[in-house]
Structures are given as structure tokens and as C-alpha cells.
Amino acid sequence: MTTLETRKAQLLARRNQLLSRMETIEDELDQHDSKDWEEMATEREGDEVLEDLGQSASDEIRMIDAALQRMDEGEYGFCVTCGEEISAERLDVLPATPFCREHAAH
């Protein structure tokens, strides 16, 4: 059984990875200096992919922050919808999830 401290360490490590990824994405977005229209179009397509990745990372960071807050409040591991305990197996796969299996699909 994974302890709360272990889960917290996992969430913090993942958060740091995401912050690093977002910084890399920002740097990449700031480095374009193409003057050719064709290259600019290709760069713009790449920028859209990077922006989507950045948004995904930002969304996951928000979920992690909420999970860390639930830990601090003693509410981590319980579904925010029904209050039932979230299975350890589910938390192993999705440690930041606020929902039990039943309410995740709603």
C-alpha cells in the first residue's frame, strides 16, 4: 500500500517535470526567427502543437495542486462527488484524481 507521503512525493515530482516541460515549451516558442513564409507556416503548425502540450501540462498541474490541497486538508483519496474512498489501484494510476471510478465518467 502506497503511503500518503509517497503519493505526495510522486505528485511533487510530476509537478516539477511538468513545470520544466512548460519552461522548455516557452523557450521553444520564443526562439522562432524564420523569415521565409513556408518556414513560418511550418513553425506555426509546430507552435500549435507546443501550445496544446503546454495547456495539457498546465491542466495537469492544476489537478496536482488540487490533490496536494486535498492532502493538506485530509480529504485526499476520497471522491469529491460522493465522499467514498477512491481505490488504491485507481490512485496508483491517477494519483491526482478527485473522483472514484463511478463518478469519473460523469
C-alpha atoms as a PDB file:
ATOM      1  CA  MET A   1       0.000   0.000   0.000  1.00  0.00           C
ATOM      2  CA  THR A   2       1.340   3.373  -1.014  1.00  0.00           C
ATOM      3  CA  THR A   3       1.636   5.861   1.831  1.00  0.00           C
ATOM      4  CA  LEU A   4       0.356   9.413   1.670  1.00  0.00           C
ATOM      5  CA  GLU A   5       3.939  10.696   1.863  1.00  0.00           C
ATOM      6  CA  THR A   6       4.921   8.550  -1.117  1.00  0.00           C
ATOM      7  CA  ARG A   7       1.951   9.779  -3.150  1.00  0.00           C
ATOM      8  CA  LYS A   8       2.780  13.374  -2.224  1.00  0.00           C
ATOM      9  CA  ALA A   9       6.383  12.879  -3.350  1.00  0.00           C
ATOM     10  CA  GLN A  10       5.144  11.367  -6.635  1.00  0.00           C
ATOM     11  CA  LEU A  11       2.802  14.296  -7.227  1.00  0.00           C
ATOM     12  CA  LEU A  12       5.508  16.853  -6.452  1.00  0.00           C
ATOM     13  CA  ALA A  13       7.984  15.093  -8.757  1.00  0.00           C
ATOM     14  CA  ARG A  14       5.423  15.031 -11.571  1.00  0.00           C
ATOM     15  CA  ARG A  15       4.628  18.713 -10.965  1.00  0.00           C
ATOM     16  CA  ASN A  16       8.321  19.581 -11.274  1.00  0.00           C
ATOM     17  CA  GLN A  17       8.570  17.596 -14.525  1.00  0.00           C
ATOM     18  CA  LEU A  18       5.591  19.477 -15.942  1.00  0.00           C
ATOM     19  CA  LEU A  19       6.964  22.866 -14.909  1.00  0.00           C
ATOM     20  CA  SER A  20      10.249  22.001 -16.610  1.00  0.00           C
ATOM     21  CA  ARG A  21       8.372  20.906 -19.742  1.00  0.00           C
ATOM     22  CA  MET A  22       6.403  24.159 -19.780  1.00  0.00           C
ATOM     23  CA  GLU A  23       9.612  26.165 -19.488  1.00  0.00           C
ATOM     24  CA  THR A  24      11.105  24.240 -22.417  1.00  0.00           C
ATOM     25  CA  ILE A  25       7.968  24.855 -24.466  1.00  0.00           C
ATOM     26  CA  GLU A  26       8.081  28.579 -23.696  1.00  0.00           C
ATOM     27  CA  ASP A  27      11.729  28.744 -24.717  1.00  0.00           C
ATOM     28  CA  GLU A  28      10.958  26.912 -27.968  1.00  0.00           C
ATOM     29  CA  LEU A  29       8.062  29.246 -28.761  1.00  0.00           C
ATOM     30  CA  ASP A  30      10.292  32.289 -28.171  1.00  0.00           C
ATOM     31  CA  GLN A  31      13.102  31.102 -30.476  1.00  0.00           C
ATOM     32  CA  HIS A  32      11.489  31.425 -33.887  1.00  0.00           C
ATOM     33  CA  ASP A  33      13.191  33.809 -36.281  1.00  0.00           C
ATOM     34  CA  SER A  34      12.239  32.448 -39.696  1.00  0.00           C
ATOM     35  CA  LYS A  35      11.699  34.959 -42.450  1.00  0.00           C
ATOM     36  CA  ASP A  36      10.562  32.520 -45.150  1.00  0.00           C
ATOM     37  CA  TRP A  37       6.761  32.181 -45.433  1.00  0.00           C
ATOM     38  CA  GLU A  38       6.904  28.427 -45.882  1.00  0.00           C
ATOM     39  CA  GLU A  39       9.129  28.008 -42.840  1.00  0.00           C
ATOM     40  CA  MET A  40       6.913  30.350 -40.847  1.00  0.00           C
ATOM     41  CA  ALA A  41       3.847  28.249 -41.713  1.00  0.00           C
ATOM     42  CA  THR A  42       5.633  25.088 -40.606  1.00  0.00           C
ATOM     43  CA  GLU A  43       6.786  26.789 -37.407  1.00  0.00           C
ATOM     44  CA  ARG A  44       3.230  27.956 -36.712  1.00  0.00           C
ATOM     45  CA  GLU A  45       1.937  24.387 -37.002  1.00  0.00           C
ATOM     46  CA  GLY A  46       4.645  23.291 -34.585  1.00  0.00           C
ATOM     47  CA  ASP A  47       3.734  26.167 -32.262  1.00  0.00           C
ATOM     48  CA  GLU A  48       0.129  24.977 -32.142  1.00  0.00           C
ATOM     49  CA  VAL A  49       1.297  21.519 -31.069  1.00  0.00           C
ATOM     50  CA  LEU A  50       3.589  23.049 -28.436  1.00  0.00           C
ATOM     51  CA  GLU A  51       0.776  25.286 -27.164  1.00  0.00           C
ATOM     52  CA  ASP A  52      -1.502  22.237 -26.827  1.00  0.00           C
ATOM     53  CA  LEU A  53       1.216  20.397 -24.903  1.00  0.00           C
ATOM     54  CA  GLY A  54       1.687  23.435 -22.672  1.00  0.00           C
ATOM     55  CA  GLN A  55      -2.046  23.649 -21.998  1.00  0.00           C
ATOM     56  CA  SER A  56      -2.168  19.947 -21.181  1.00  0.00           C
ATOM     57  CA  ALA A  57       0.728  20.368 -18.740  1.00  0.00           C
ATOM     58  CA  SER A  58      -0.962  23.382 -17.170  1.00  0.00           C
ATOM     59  CA  ASP A  59      -4.200  21.429 -16.710  1.00  0.00           C
ATOM     60  CA  GLU A  60      -2.341  18.550 -15.078  1.00  0.00           C
ATOM     61  CA  ILE A  61      -0.510  20.949 -12.740  1.00  0.00           C
ATOM     62  CA  ARG A  62      -3.882  22.340 -11.619  1.00  0.00           C
ATOM     63  CA  MET A  63      -5.070  18.796 -10.886  1.00  0.00           C
ATOM     64  CA  ILE A  64      -1.896  18.056  -8.925  1.00  0.00           C
ATOM     65  CA  ASP A  65      -2.200  21.296  -6.950  1.00  0.00           C
ATOM     66  CA  ALA A  66      -5.798  20.409  -6.078  1.00  0.00           C
ATOM     67  CA  ALA A  67      -4.714  16.916  -4.980  1.00  0.00           C
ATOM     68  CA  LEU A  68      -1.957  18.395  -2.805  1.00  0.00           C
ATOM     69  CA  GLN A  69      -4.502  20.743  -1.243  1.00  0.00           C
ATOM     70  CA  ARG A  70      -6.823  17.793  -0.537  1.00  0.00           C
ATOM     71  CA  MET A  71      -3.858  16.081   1.148  1.00  0.00           C
ATOM     72  CA  ASP A  72      -3.290  19.099   3.369  1.00  0.00           C
ATOM     73  CA  GLU A  73      -6.983  19.162   4.259  1.00  0.00           C
ATOM     74  CA  GLY A  74      -7.122  15.427   4.986  1.00  0.00           C
ATOM     75  CA  GLU A  75      -9.537  14.806   2.115  1.00  0.00           C
ATOM     76  CA  TYR A  76      -7.180  13.116  -0.347  1.00  0.00           C
ATOM     77  CA  GLY A  77      -8.265   9.697  -1.536  1.00  0.00           C
ATOM     78  CA  PHE A  78     -11.966  10.406  -1.217  1.00  0.00           C
ATOM     79  CA  CYS A  79     -14.271  11.179  -4.131  1.00  0.00           C
ATOM     80  CA  VAL A  80     -15.249  14.849  -4.206  1.00  0.00           C
ATOM     81  CA  THR A  81     -18.663  13.877  -5.567  1.00  0.00           C
ATOM     82  CA  CYS A  82     -19.821  11.078  -3.270  1.00  0.00           C
ATOM     83  CA  GLY A  83     -17.222  11.064  -0.484  1.00  0.00           C
ATOM     84  CA  GLU A  84     -16.455   7.373  -0.958  1.00  0.00           C
ATOM     85  CA  GLU A  85     -12.857   6.214  -0.771  1.00  0.00           C
ATOM     86  CA  ILE A  86     -11.038   6.060  -4.109  1.00  0.00           C
ATOM     87  CA  SER A  87      -9.437   2.658  -4.649  1.00  0.00           C
ATOM     88  CA  ALA A  88      -5.687   2.381  -4.170  1.00  0.00           C
ATOM     89  CA  GLU A  89      -5.425   0.845  -7.637  1.00  0.00           C
ATOM     90  CA  ARG A  90      -7.065   3.907  -9.183  1.00  0.00           C
ATOM     91  CA  LEU A  91      -4.805   6.268  -7.230  1.00  0.00           C
ATOM     92  CA  ASP A  92      -1.779   4.246  -8.368  1.00  0.00           C
ATOM     93  CA  VAL A  93      -2.720   5.016 -11.974  1.00  0.00           C
ATOM     94  CA  LEU A  94      -4.162   8.516 -11.462  1.00  0.00           C
ATOM     95  CA  PRO A  95      -2.728   9.904  -8.220  1.00  0.00           C
ATOM     96  CA  ALA A  96      -4.274  13.358  -8.752  1.00  0.00           C
ATOM     97  CA  THR A  97      -7.791  12.132  -9.472  1.00  0.00           C
ATOM     98  CA  PRO A  98     -10.560  13.665  -7.367  1.00  0.00           C
ATOM     99  CA  PHE A  99     -13.131  11.056  -8.428  1.00  0.00           C
ATOM    100  CA  CYS A 100     -13.914   7.438  -7.680  1.00  0.00           C
ATOM    101  CA  ARG A 101     -14.305   5.162 -10.665  1.00  0.00           C
ATOM    102  CA  GLU A 102     -18.083   5.549 -10.683  1.00  0.00           C
ATOM    103  CA  HIS A 103     -18.030   9.351 -10.817  1.00  0.00           C
ATOM    104  CA  ALA A 104     -15.062   9.760 -13.171  1.00  0.00           C
ATOM    105  CA  ALA A 105     -17.271   9.179 -16.201  1.00  0.00           C
ATOM    106  CA  HIS A 106     -19.898  11.771 -15.267  1.00  0.00           C
END
